[in-house]
Amino acid sequence: MRLLKHEVVYRLIPSILHQVQIVLIILFVLIAIRPLLIYTNSRFTHSKAKGVIEGSLAKCSVRPNCYCINYSYGDTASDTEKLHDITSQHWKVLLEAVECLPRSTIVTAEDHYIHCESRSFYFGFIDDIELLHNEQDSRICFRSESRVGYSDLGVNKRRIEKLVRELNNVTSN
């Protein structure tokens, strides 16, 4: 028995429609639970920015939703982490770079410390971004941590790497 082309198409249509239905249901569920996730995110967060603890930023926990790195500059720096000397002008440029991060709000901006909150695109989850310029140790600390969840799919690491690149671009000139 040989099928004509239009008979094959008519047999495929129900399976294609079923797949489209599944995709639409998933989209509807995501859209429907978004307000609930935003509400719970604002009410039940794991932690907020820790701030400066004994001249440094808090270390990251074992969860992969946090990224923290210290960069040295001056004579004490190794080749892999070397930054050129940081001046107050460079710190201002770094503050501007943090302000330009998408969906971000500066919470605290001091001479040697910046705390910023950044929201995720769709669900609005909050990430805390902290920067500390420790002149005594000739180092600058970067920290970004998600308040909710276990993994952030590398968002915090990419964010900090972007800030470090911006700082390197400014200090190398």
N, C-alpha and C. Protein backbone atom coordinates (compact mmCIF):
# COMPACT_ATOMS: atom_id res chain seq x y z
N MET A 1 0.84 -1.17 0.00
CA MET A 1 0.00 0.00 0.00
C MET A 1 0.90 1.24 0.00
N ARG A 2 0.64 2.10 -0.89
CA ARG A 2 1.46 3.28 -1.07
C ARG A 2 0.68 4.52 -0.64
N LEU A 3 1.37 5.36 0.20
CA LEU A 3 0.72 6.57 0.68
C LEU A 3 1.04 7.74 -0.23
N LEU A 4 0.05 8.53 -0.45
CA LEU A 4 0.27 9.76 -1.21
C LEU A 4 0.87 10.81 -0.29
N LYS A 5 1.47 11.84 -0.88
CA LYS A 5 2.14 12.88 -0.09
C LYS A 5 1.18 13.55 0.87
N HIS A 6 -0.01 13.87 0.42
CA HIS A 6 -0.95 14.56 1.30
C HIS A 6 -1.41 13.66 2.45
N GLU A 7 -1.45 12.34 2.24
CA GLU A 7 -1.82 11.43 3.31
C GLU A 7 -0.74 11.40 4.40
N VAL A 8 0.53 11.47 4.01
CA VAL A 8 1.64 11.50 4.96
C VAL A 8 1.57 12.77 5.79
N VAL A 9 1.31 13.89 5.15
CA VAL A 9 1.22 15.16 5.85
C VAL A 9 0.06 15.12 6.84
N TYR A 10 -1.09 14.59 6.44
CA TYR A 10 -2.24 14.52 7.34
C TYR A 10 -1.97 13.62 8.55
N ARG A 11 -1.15 12.60 8.36
CA ARG A 11 -0.81 11.73 9.49
C ARG A 11 0.19 12.41 10.44
N LEU A 12 1.03 13.31 9.95
CA LEU A 12 2.02 13.99 10.78
C LEU A 12 1.42 15.17 11.56
N ILE A 13 0.38 15.75 11.06
CA ILE A 13 -0.20 16.94 11.70
C ILE A 13 -0.58 16.70 13.15
N PRO A 14 -1.24 15.60 13.52
CA PRO A 14 -1.58 15.43 14.94
C PRO A 14 -0.35 15.38 15.86
N SER A 15 0.73 14.75 15.42
CA SER A 15 1.91 14.69 16.29
C SER A 15 2.56 16.07 16.41
N ILE A 16 2.57 16.84 15.34
CA ILE A 16 3.13 18.19 15.39
C ILE A 16 2.27 19.06 16.31
N LEU A 17 0.97 18.97 16.18
CA LEU A 17 0.08 19.75 17.04
C LEU A 17 0.26 19.37 18.51
N HIS A 18 0.48 18.09 18.77
CA HIS A 18 0.71 17.65 20.16
C HIS A 18 1.99 18.28 20.72
N GLN A 19 3.05 18.33 19.92
CA GLN A 19 4.29 18.94 20.37
C GLN A 19 4.12 20.44 20.61
N VAL A 20 3.38 21.10 19.75
CA VAL A 20 3.11 22.54 19.92
C VAL A 20 2.31 22.76 21.21
N GLN A 21 1.35 21.89 21.47
CA GLN A 21 0.56 22.00 22.70
C GLN A 21 1.45 21.89 23.93
N ILE A 22 2.38 20.96 23.92
CA ILE A 22 3.27 20.78 25.06
C ILE A 22 4.12 22.04 25.28
N VAL A 23 4.66 22.60 24.21
CA VAL A 23 5.46 23.82 24.33
C VAL A 23 4.62 24.97 24.86
N LEU A 24 3.40 25.10 24.38
CA LEU A 24 2.51 26.17 24.86
C LEU A 24 2.16 25.99 26.33
N ILE A 25 1.96 24.77 26.76
CA ILE A 25 1.65 24.51 28.17
C ILE A 25 2.85 24.89 29.04
N ILE A 26 4.04 24.53 28.62
CA ILE A 26 5.25 24.87 29.39
C ILE A 26 5.40 26.39 29.47
N LEU A 27 5.20 27.09 28.37
CA LEU A 27 5.28 28.56 28.38
C LEU A 27 4.23 29.16 29.31
N PHE A 28 3.02 28.63 29.26
CA PHE A 28 1.96 29.14 30.12
C PHE A 28 2.31 28.94 31.60
N VAL A 29 2.84 27.78 31.94
CA VAL A 29 3.21 27.52 33.33
C VAL A 29 4.32 28.47 33.77
N LEU A 30 5.31 28.68 32.93
CA LEU A 30 6.39 29.61 33.28
C LEU A 30 5.87 31.02 33.49
N ILE A 31 4.98 31.45 32.62
CA ILE A 31 4.41 32.79 32.76
C ILE A 31 3.52 32.87 34.00
N ALA A 32 2.78 31.81 34.29
CA ALA A 32 1.87 31.82 35.43
C ALA A 32 2.61 31.81 36.76
N ILE A 33 3.76 31.12 36.85
CA ILE A 33 4.45 31.04 38.14
C ILE A 33 5.43 32.18 38.36
N ARG A 34 5.67 33.01 37.35
CA ARG A 34 6.62 34.11 37.50
C ARG A 34 6.28 35.03 38.68
N PRO A 35 5.05 35.51 38.81
CA PRO A 35 4.75 36.38 39.97
C PRO A 35 4.98 35.68 41.31
N LEU A 36 4.68 34.41 41.38
CA LEU A 36 4.90 33.66 42.61
C LEU A 36 6.39 33.58 42.93
N LEU A 37 7.22 33.32 41.92
CA LEU A 37 8.66 33.24 42.15
C LEU A 37 9.24 34.60 42.54
N ILE A 38 8.76 35.65 41.93
CA ILE A 38 9.24 36.99 42.30
C ILE A 38 8.85 37.29 43.74
N TYR A 39 7.64 36.93 44.13
CA TYR A 39 7.18 37.17 45.50
C TYR A 39 8.02 36.37 46.50
N THR A 40 8.22 35.09 46.24
CA THR A 40 9.00 34.28 47.17
C THR A 40 10.45 34.71 47.18
N ASN A 41 10.96 35.19 46.04
CA ASN A 41 12.34 35.66 45.99
C ASN A 41 12.53 36.86 46.90
N SER A 42 11.55 37.73 46.94
CA SER A 42 11.69 38.92 47.78
C SER A 42 11.46 38.61 49.26
N ARG A 43 10.77 37.52 49.57
CA ARG A 43 10.46 37.21 50.96
C ARG A 43 11.43 36.22 51.60
N PHE A 44 11.89 35.24 50.84
CA PHE A 44 12.68 34.15 51.41
C PHE A 44 14.03 34.05 50.70
N THR A 45 14.90 34.95 51.00
CA THR A 45 16.23 34.93 50.38
C THR A 45 17.21 34.25 51.33
N HIS A 46 18.23 33.64 50.74
CA HIS A 46 19.23 32.92 51.53
C HIS A 46 20.09 33.88 52.33
N SER A 47 20.61 34.88 51.66
CA SER A 47 21.50 35.81 52.35
C SER A 47 21.59 37.08 51.54
N LYS A 48 22.05 38.10 52.19
CA LYS A 48 22.30 39.36 51.50
C LYS A 48 23.80 39.60 51.51
N ALA A 49 24.20 40.72 50.96
CA ALA A 49 25.63 41.03 50.92
C ALA A 49 26.20 41.01 52.33
N LYS A 50 27.34 40.40 52.46
CA LYS A 50 27.96 40.25 53.78
C LYS A 50 28.72 41.49 54.20
N GLY A 51 29.17 42.28 53.23
CA GLY A 51 29.95 43.48 53.55
C GLY A 51 31.41 43.13 53.81
N VAL A 52 32.11 44.08 54.40
CA VAL A 52 33.53 43.92 54.67
C VAL A 52 33.70 43.22 56.01
N ILE A 53 34.47 42.13 56.00
CA ILE A 53 34.75 41.36 57.21
C ILE A 53 36.26 41.29 57.37
N GLU A 54 36.77 41.94 58.38
CA GLU A 54 38.21 41.96 58.67
C GLU A 54 39.05 42.36 57.45
N GLY A 55 38.63 43.42 56.78
CA GLY A 55 39.41 43.95 55.67
C GLY A 55 39.26 43.22 54.36
N SER A 56 38.31 42.30 54.27
CA SER A 56 38.11 41.56 53.04
C SER A 56 36.62 41.25 52.87
N LEU A 57 36.27 40.72 51.72
CA LEU A 57 34.89 40.28 51.50
C LEU A 57 34.75 38.84 51.96
N ALA A 58 33.52 38.44 52.27
CA ALA A 58 33.26 37.07 52.73
C ALA A 58 33.64 36.07 51.64
N LYS A 59 34.07 34.91 52.08
CA LYS A 59 34.38 33.83 51.14
C LYS A 59 33.07 33.21 50.66
N CYS A 60 33.12 32.59 49.50
CA CYS A 60 31.94 31.92 48.96
C CYS A 60 31.70 30.60 49.67
N SER A 61 30.45 30.21 49.75
CA SER A 61 30.11 28.91 50.31
C SER A 61 30.41 27.83 49.27
N VAL A 62 30.03 26.61 49.55
CA VAL A 62 30.29 25.51 48.62
C VAL A 62 29.32 25.51 47.44
N ARG A 63 28.26 26.29 47.51
CA ARG A 63 27.30 26.34 46.41
C ARG A 63 27.93 27.02 45.19
N PRO A 64 27.61 26.54 43.99
CA PRO A 64 28.22 27.13 42.78
C PRO A 64 27.57 28.43 42.33
N ASN A 65 26.71 29.03 43.15
CA ASN A 65 26.05 30.28 42.74
C ASN A 65 26.79 31.51 43.24
N CYS A 66 28.05 31.36 43.59
CA CYS A 66 28.86 32.46 44.11
C CYS A 66 30.22 32.44 43.42
N TYR A 67 30.73 33.63 43.13
CA TYR A 67 32.07 33.74 42.55
C TYR A 67 32.79 34.87 43.25
N CYS A 68 33.98 34.59 43.74
CA CYS A 68 34.76 35.57 44.48
C CYS A 68 36.22 35.45 44.04
N ILE A 69 36.84 36.60 43.78
CA ILE A 69 38.24 36.58 43.36
C ILE A 69 38.92 37.83 43.88
N ASN A 70 40.18 37.68 44.24
CA ASN A 70 41.00 38.79 44.71
C ASN A 70 42.10 39.04 43.69
N TYR A 71 42.26 40.28 43.30
CA TYR A 71 43.32 40.65 42.38
C TYR A 71 44.29 41.57 43.09
N SER A 72 45.56 41.24 42.97
CA SER A 72 46.61 42.08 43.55
C SER A 72 47.16 42.99 42.48
N TYR A 73 47.72 44.09 42.90
CA TYR A 73 48.39 44.99 41.98
C TYR A 73 49.64 45.52 42.65
N GLY A 74 50.49 46.09 41.86
CA GLY A 74 51.76 46.58 42.40
C GLY A 74 52.80 45.47 42.43
N ASP A 75 53.77 45.58 43.32
CA ASP A 75 54.90 44.65 43.37
C ASP A 75 54.54 43.27 43.90
N THR A 76 53.46 43.16 44.67
CA THR A 76 53.12 41.88 45.30
C THR A 76 52.34 40.96 44.37
N ALA A 77 51.95 41.42 43.21
CA ALA A 77 51.07 40.63 42.33
C ALA A 77 51.85 39.60 41.54
N SER A 78 51.22 38.46 41.32
CA SER A 78 51.78 37.45 40.42
C SER A 78 51.41 37.85 38.99
N ASP A 79 52.04 37.23 38.01
CA ASP A 79 51.78 37.60 36.62
C ASP A 79 50.35 37.33 36.20
N THR A 80 49.73 36.26 36.72
CA THR A 80 48.38 35.91 36.28
C THR A 80 47.32 36.83 36.85
N GLU A 81 47.57 37.45 37.99
CA GLU A 81 46.54 38.31 38.57
C GLU A 81 46.95 39.77 38.63
N LYS A 82 47.96 40.13 37.88
CA LYS A 82 48.50 41.49 38.03
C LYS A 82 47.57 42.52 37.41
N LEU A 83 47.27 43.51 38.18
CA LEU A 83 46.60 44.71 37.71
C LEU A 83 47.58 45.85 37.89
N HIS A 84 47.45 46.85 37.09
CA HIS A 84 48.28 48.02 37.27
C HIS A 84 47.78 48.79 38.49
N ASP A 85 48.54 49.76 38.93
CA ASP A 85 48.14 50.52 40.12
C ASP A 85 46.74 51.10 39.95
N ILE A 86 45.96 50.96 41.00
CA ILE A 86 44.58 51.45 40.99
C ILE A 86 44.57 52.83 41.64
N THR A 87 44.00 53.78 40.94
CA THR A 87 43.84 55.11 41.50
C THR A 87 42.37 55.36 41.78
N SER A 88 42.09 56.48 42.43
CA SER A 88 40.69 56.81 42.70
C SER A 88 39.91 57.00 41.40
N GLN A 89 40.59 57.46 40.36
CA GLN A 89 39.93 57.62 39.06
C GLN A 89 39.52 56.26 38.49
N HIS A 90 40.39 55.26 38.64
CA HIS A 90 40.06 53.92 38.18
C HIS A 90 38.89 53.35 38.98
N TRP A 91 38.84 53.65 40.27
CA TRP A 91 37.74 53.16 41.11
C TRP A 91 36.42 53.77 40.64
N LYS A 92 36.46 55.04 40.22
CA LYS A 92 35.25 55.70 39.70
C LYS A 92 34.80 55.05 38.40
N VAL A 93 35.76 54.68 37.55
CA VAL A 93 35.42 54.00 36.30
C VAL A 93 34.80 52.64 36.60
N LEU A 94 35.34 51.95 37.60
CA LEU A 94 34.78 50.66 38.00
C LEU A 94 33.36 50.84 38.54
N LEU A 95 33.12 51.89 39.30
CA LEU A 95 31.77 52.20 39.79
C LEU A 95 30.83 52.43 38.61
N GLU A 96 31.28 53.16 37.61
CA GLU A 96 30.45 53.39 36.42
C GLU A 96 30.17 52.08 35.69
N ALA A 97 31.16 51.19 35.63
CA ALA A 97 30.95 49.89 34.98
C ALA A 97 29.91 49.07 35.73
N VAL A 98 29.93 49.14 37.06
CA VAL A 98 28.93 48.42 37.86
C VAL A 98 27.55 49.03 37.63
N GLU A 99 27.48 50.35 37.55
CA GLU A 99 26.19 51.02 37.30
C GLU A 99 25.62 50.64 35.94
N CYS A 100 26.49 50.34 34.98
CA CYS A 100 26.03 50.00 33.63
C CYS A 100 25.62 48.53 33.48
N LEU A 101 25.81 47.73 34.51
CA LEU A 101 25.37 46.34 34.42
C LEU A 101 23.85 46.31 34.25
N PRO A 102 23.33 45.43 33.40
CA PRO A 102 21.89 45.42 33.16
C PRO A 102 21.10 45.05 34.42
N ARG A 103 19.98 45.73 34.63
CA ARG A 103 19.03 45.48 35.73
C ARG A 103 19.72 45.56 37.09
N SER A 104 20.64 46.49 37.25
CA SER A 104 21.41 46.61 38.49
C SER A 104 21.13 47.94 39.18
N THR A 105 21.21 47.91 40.50
CA THR A 105 21.02 49.09 41.32
C THR A 105 22.14 49.16 42.35
N ILE A 106 22.79 50.30 42.44
CA ILE A 106 23.82 50.49 43.45
C ILE A 106 23.14 50.70 44.80
N VAL A 107 23.52 49.90 45.79
CA VAL A 107 22.98 50.02 47.14
C VAL A 107 23.90 50.87 47.99
N THR A 108 25.19 50.58 47.92
CA THR A 108 26.20 51.31 48.68
C THR A 108 27.39 51.62 47.78
N ALA A 109 27.81 52.86 47.79
CA ALA A 109 29.00 53.24 47.03
C ALA A 109 29.85 54.14 47.93
N GLU A 110 30.93 53.58 48.42
CA GLU A 110 31.84 54.32 49.29
C GLU A 110 33.20 54.44 48.61
N ASP A 111 34.14 55.04 49.29
CA ASP A 111 35.46 55.25 48.70
C ASP A 111 36.16 53.94 48.34
N HIS A 112 35.94 52.89 49.15
CA HIS A 112 36.66 51.63 48.92
C HIS A 112 35.73 50.42 48.84
N TYR A 113 34.41 50.64 48.85
CA TYR A 113 33.47 49.52 48.87
C TYR A 113 32.25 49.86 48.00
N ILE A 114 31.84 48.88 47.18
CA ILE A 114 30.63 49.02 46.36
C ILE A 114 29.77 47.79 46.59
N HIS A 115 28.48 48.00 46.81
CA HIS A 115 27.50 46.92 46.88
C HIS A 115 26.40 47.24 45.90
N CYS A 116 26.11 46.27 45.04
CA CYS A 116 25.11 46.44 43.99
C CYS A 116 24.20 45.23 43.98
N GLU A 117 22.92 45.45 43.69
CA GLU A 117 21.97 44.35 43.51
C GLU A 117 21.60 44.27 42.04
N SER A 118 21.68 43.07 41.50
CA SER A 118 21.36 42.85 40.09
C SER A 118 20.26 41.79 40.01
N ARG A 119 19.24 42.07 39.20
CA ARG A 119 18.12 41.13 39.05
C ARG A 119 18.25 40.33 37.76
N SER A 120 17.85 39.06 37.82
CA SER A 120 17.87 38.23 36.62
C SER A 120 16.79 38.70 35.65
N PHE A 121 16.96 38.37 34.40
CA PHE A 121 16.10 38.92 33.35
C PHE A 121 14.63 38.54 33.52
N TYR A 122 14.33 37.28 33.61
CA TYR A 122 12.93 36.87 33.56
C TYR A 122 12.30 36.76 34.94
N PHE A 123 12.94 36.02 35.85
CA PHE A 123 12.32 35.77 37.14
C PHE A 123 12.62 36.83 38.19
N GLY A 124 13.58 37.68 37.95
CA GLY A 124 13.88 38.75 38.88
C GLY A 124 14.63 38.32 40.13
N PHE A 125 15.35 37.20 40.06
CA PHE A 125 16.15 36.77 41.21
C PHE A 125 17.25 37.80 41.46
N ILE A 126 17.57 38.03 42.73
CA ILE A 126 18.55 39.06 43.09
C ILE A 126 19.92 38.43 43.31
N ASP A 127 20.94 39.05 42.70
CA ASP A 127 22.34 38.71 42.94
C ASP A 127 22.98 39.90 43.62
N ASP A 128 23.84 39.65 44.60
CA ASP A 128 24.59 40.70 45.26
C ASP A 128 25.98 40.76 44.66
N ILE A 129 26.40 41.97 44.28
CA ILE A 129 27.73 42.20 43.73
C ILE A 129 28.45 43.11 44.71
N GLU A 130 29.64 42.69 45.13
CA GLU A 130 30.43 43.49 46.06
C GLU A 130 31.84 43.66 45.52
N LEU A 131 32.38 44.86 45.70
CA LEU A 131 33.75 45.16 45.32
C LEU A 131 34.40 45.89 46.48
N LEU A 132 35.64 45.53 46.77
CA LEU A 132 36.38 46.14 47.86
C LEU A 132 37.78 46.47 47.39
N HIS A 133 38.18 47.72 47.57
CA HIS A 133 39.54 48.15 47.23
C HIS A 133 40.32 48.25 48.53
N ASN A 134 41.24 47.32 48.74
CA ASN A 134 42.05 47.28 49.94
C ASN A 134 43.43 47.82 49.60
N GLU A 135 43.65 49.09 49.88
CA GLU A 135 44.91 49.74 49.52
C GLU A 135 46.08 49.23 50.34
N GLN A 136 45.83 48.84 51.60
CA GLN A 136 46.93 48.38 52.46
C GLN A 136 47.56 47.11 51.92
N ASP A 137 46.75 46.20 51.39
CA ASP A 137 47.27 44.95 50.84
C ASP A 137 47.48 45.02 49.33
N SER A 138 47.25 46.17 48.73
CA SER A 138 47.37 46.35 47.27
C SER A 138 46.54 45.31 46.53
N ARG A 139 45.26 45.24 46.89
CA ARG A 139 44.42 44.26 46.22
C ARG A 139 43.00 44.78 46.12
N ILE A 140 42.30 44.22 45.14
CA ILE A 140 40.89 44.54 44.95
C ILE A 140 40.11 43.23 44.92
N CYS A 141 39.04 43.17 45.69
CA CYS A 141 38.24 41.94 45.83
C CYS A 141 36.93 42.12 45.07
N PHE A 142 36.56 41.09 44.32
CA PHE A 142 35.30 41.05 43.59
C PHE A 142 34.50 39.88 44.12
N ARG A 143 33.19 40.07 44.35
CA ARG A 143 32.34 38.98 44.83
C ARG A 143 30.95 39.16 44.26
N SER A 144 30.38 38.09 43.74
CA SER A 144 29.01 38.11 43.23
C SER A 144 28.35 36.81 43.64
N GLU A 145 27.17 36.92 44.28
CA GLU A 145 26.48 35.74 44.79
C GLU A 145 24.98 35.86 44.57
N SER A 146 24.37 34.76 44.16
CA SER A 146 22.92 34.71 44.04
C SER A 146 22.32 34.48 45.41
N ARG A 147 21.23 35.16 45.69
CA ARG A 147 20.58 35.00 46.99
C ARG A 147 19.75 33.72 47.06
N VAL A 148 19.23 33.28 45.93
CA VAL A 148 18.33 32.14 45.91
C VAL A 148 18.86 31.08 44.95
N GLY A 149 18.67 29.84 45.31
CA GLY A 149 19.00 28.75 44.40
C GLY A 149 20.37 28.16 44.67
N TYR A 150 20.67 27.15 43.91
CA TYR A 150 21.93 26.43 44.08
C TYR A 150 22.93 26.81 43.00
N SER A 151 22.46 26.86 41.76
CA SER A 151 23.36 27.19 40.65
C SER A 151 22.90 28.47 39.97
N ASP A 152 23.82 29.18 39.37
CA ASP A 152 23.48 30.39 38.63
C ASP A 152 23.88 30.28 37.16
N LEU A 153 24.29 29.10 36.74
CA LEU A 153 24.70 28.82 35.36
C LEU A 153 25.87 29.69 34.91
N GLY A 154 26.72 30.08 35.86
CA GLY A 154 27.93 30.83 35.54
C GLY A 154 27.74 32.33 35.37
N VAL A 155 26.55 32.83 35.69
CA VAL A 155 26.27 34.26 35.50
C VAL A 155 27.18 35.12 36.36
N ASN A 156 27.35 34.77 37.63
CA ASN A 156 28.16 35.58 38.53
C ASN A 156 29.62 35.63 38.08
N LYS A 157 30.15 34.51 37.63
CA LYS A 157 31.53 34.47 37.16
C LYS A 157 31.71 35.36 35.94
N ARG A 158 30.79 35.27 34.98
CA ARG A 158 30.88 36.10 33.78
C ARG A 158 30.77 37.59 34.13
N ARG A 159 29.92 37.90 35.09
CA ARG A 159 29.75 39.30 35.51
C ARG A 159 31.05 39.86 36.09
N ILE A 160 31.68 39.09 36.98
CA ILE A 160 32.93 39.55 37.59
C ILE A 160 34.04 39.62 36.55
N GLU A 161 34.11 38.65 35.66
CA GLU A 161 35.13 38.69 34.60
C GLU A 161 34.96 39.91 33.71
N LYS A 162 33.72 40.31 33.46
CA LYS A 162 33.46 41.51 32.67
C LYS A 162 33.98 42.75 33.39
N LEU A 163 33.75 42.83 34.70
CA LEU A 163 34.25 43.97 35.47
C LEU A 163 35.78 44.00 35.51
N VAL A 164 36.39 42.84 35.65
CA VAL A 164 37.86 42.77 35.67
C VAL A 164 38.43 43.19 34.32
N ARG A 165 37.80 42.75 33.23
CA ARG A 165 38.24 43.17 31.89
C ARG A 165 38.14 44.69 31.74
N GLU A 166 37.04 45.25 32.22
CA GLU A 166 36.86 46.70 32.14
C GLU A 166 37.95 47.42 32.94
N LEU A 167 38.24 46.90 34.12
CA LEU A 167 39.29 47.51 34.93
C LEU A 167 40.66 47.37 34.27
N ASN A 168 40.93 46.21 33.70
CA ASN A 168 42.21 46.01 32.99
C ASN A 168 42.34 46.95 31.80
N ASN A 169 41.23 47.16 31.07
CA ASN A 169 41.27 48.06 29.92
C ASN A 169 41.62 49.48 30.35
N VAL A 170 41.04 49.90 31.47
CA VAL A 170 41.27 51.27 31.94
C VAL A 170 42.67 51.43 32.51
N THR A 171 43.13 50.47 33.29
CA THR A 171 44.43 50.61 33.94
C THR A 171 45.60 50.40 33.01
N SER A 172 45.40 49.68 31.91
CA SER A 172 46.51 49.44 30.98
C SER A 172 46.76 50.64 30.09
N ASN A 173 45.82 51.56 30.02
CA ASN A 173 46.00 52.75 29.16
C ASN A 173 46.79 53.83 29.84
